[in-house]
Protein backbone atom coordinates (compact mmCIF):
# COMPACT_ATOMS: atom_id res chain seq x y z
CA MET A 1 0.00 0.00 0.00
CA GLY A 2 1.29 3.51 -0.84
CA GLU A 3 2.34 6.14 1.60
CA LYS A 4 -0.47 8.29 3.00
CA LYS A 5 -0.06 11.59 4.77
CA LYS A 6 -2.87 13.82 5.88
CA TYR A 7 -2.86 17.59 6.08
CA LYS A 8 -5.31 20.29 7.10
CA VAL A 9 -5.53 22.97 4.45
CA ILE A 10 -7.07 26.44 4.61
CA ALA A 11 -7.59 28.08 1.20
CA LYS A 12 -8.62 31.61 0.26
CA VAL A 13 -11.12 31.17 -2.57
CA GLY A 14 -12.70 34.62 -2.80
CA ASN A 15 -12.35 38.18 -1.56
CA ASP A 16 -13.57 37.19 1.89
CA LYS A 17 -14.23 33.45 1.61
CA PHE A 18 -12.06 30.70 3.06
CA VAL A 19 -12.52 26.93 2.95
CA LYS A 20 -10.95 24.25 5.14
CA TYR A 21 -10.28 20.65 4.08
CA ASN A 22 -8.49 17.52 5.23
CA VAL A 23 -6.20 16.60 2.33
CA ASN A 24 -3.88 13.69 1.56
CA ASN A 25 -2.72 14.67 -1.97
CA LEU A 26 -1.66 18.28 -2.57
CA ILE A 27 -1.60 18.03 -6.37
CA LEU A 28 -5.14 16.64 -6.57
CA PHE A 29 -6.29 19.30 -4.10
CA THR A 30 -4.85 22.02 -6.36
CA GLU A 31 -6.73 20.54 -9.32
CA TYR A 32 -9.90 20.48 -7.18
CA LEU A 33 -9.45 24.19 -6.40
CA ASP A 34 -8.96 24.96 -10.11
CA LEU A 35 -12.22 23.18 -10.98
CA ASN A 36 -14.41 24.38 -8.13
CA PHE A 37 -12.90 27.73 -7.09
CA SER A 38 -11.27 29.13 -10.23
CA GLY A 39 -10.46 32.40 -8.45
CA TRP A 40 -8.58 30.81 -5.54
CA ARG A 41 -5.54 32.78 -4.39
CA TRP A 42 -3.54 30.73 -1.90
CA PHE A 43 -3.66 27.87 0.56
CA ASN A 44 -1.78 27.11 3.76
CA VAL A 45 -0.87 23.53 4.68
CA PHE A 46 -0.84 22.43 8.33
CA GLU A 47 0.05 19.13 9.96
CA TYR A 48 -3.09 17.11 10.58
CA THR A 49 -4.35 17.06 14.16
CA LYS A 50 -7.78 16.07 15.40
CA GLU A 51 -8.07 19.35 17.28
CA GLY A 52 -6.76 22.73 16.24
CA ASP A 53 -4.78 23.52 13.11
CA GLY A 54 -1.38 22.08 14.01
CA THR A 55 1.88 23.59 12.82
CA GLN A 56 1.98 25.32 9.44
CA LEU A 57 4.17 23.32 7.04
CA ALA A 58 3.91 25.26 3.76
CA ASN A 59 1.89 27.70 1.70
CA PHE A 60 1.12 27.75 -2.01
CA THR A 61 -0.36 30.20 -4.51
CA THR A 62 -1.78 30.01 -8.01
CA LYS A 63 1.74 30.68 -9.36
CA ASN A 64 3.67 28.67 -6.72
CA ARG A 65 1.96 25.27 -6.81
CA PRO A 66 2.98 22.04 -5.07
CA LEU A 67 5.24 19.85 -7.21
CA THR A 68 4.70 16.64 -5.21
CA ARG A 69 1.73 14.96 -3.53
CA PHE A 70 3.33 15.16 -0.08
CA LEU A 71 5.60 17.59 1.73
């Protein structure tokens, strides 16, 4: 079975709209944002914890996209 990592991600998808997801593939998540929130601006990646947001691990923008599925 392949490696699985889980992240919490907060994305800015509008002027004042943010969405929060549990994600295990950053490239597929970026494609999801492109399809469903074409005006998304950035997203922050946090370590997954059941409570709270955990430690921030990375951030990405429409021009600085993740190159791998995991960090």
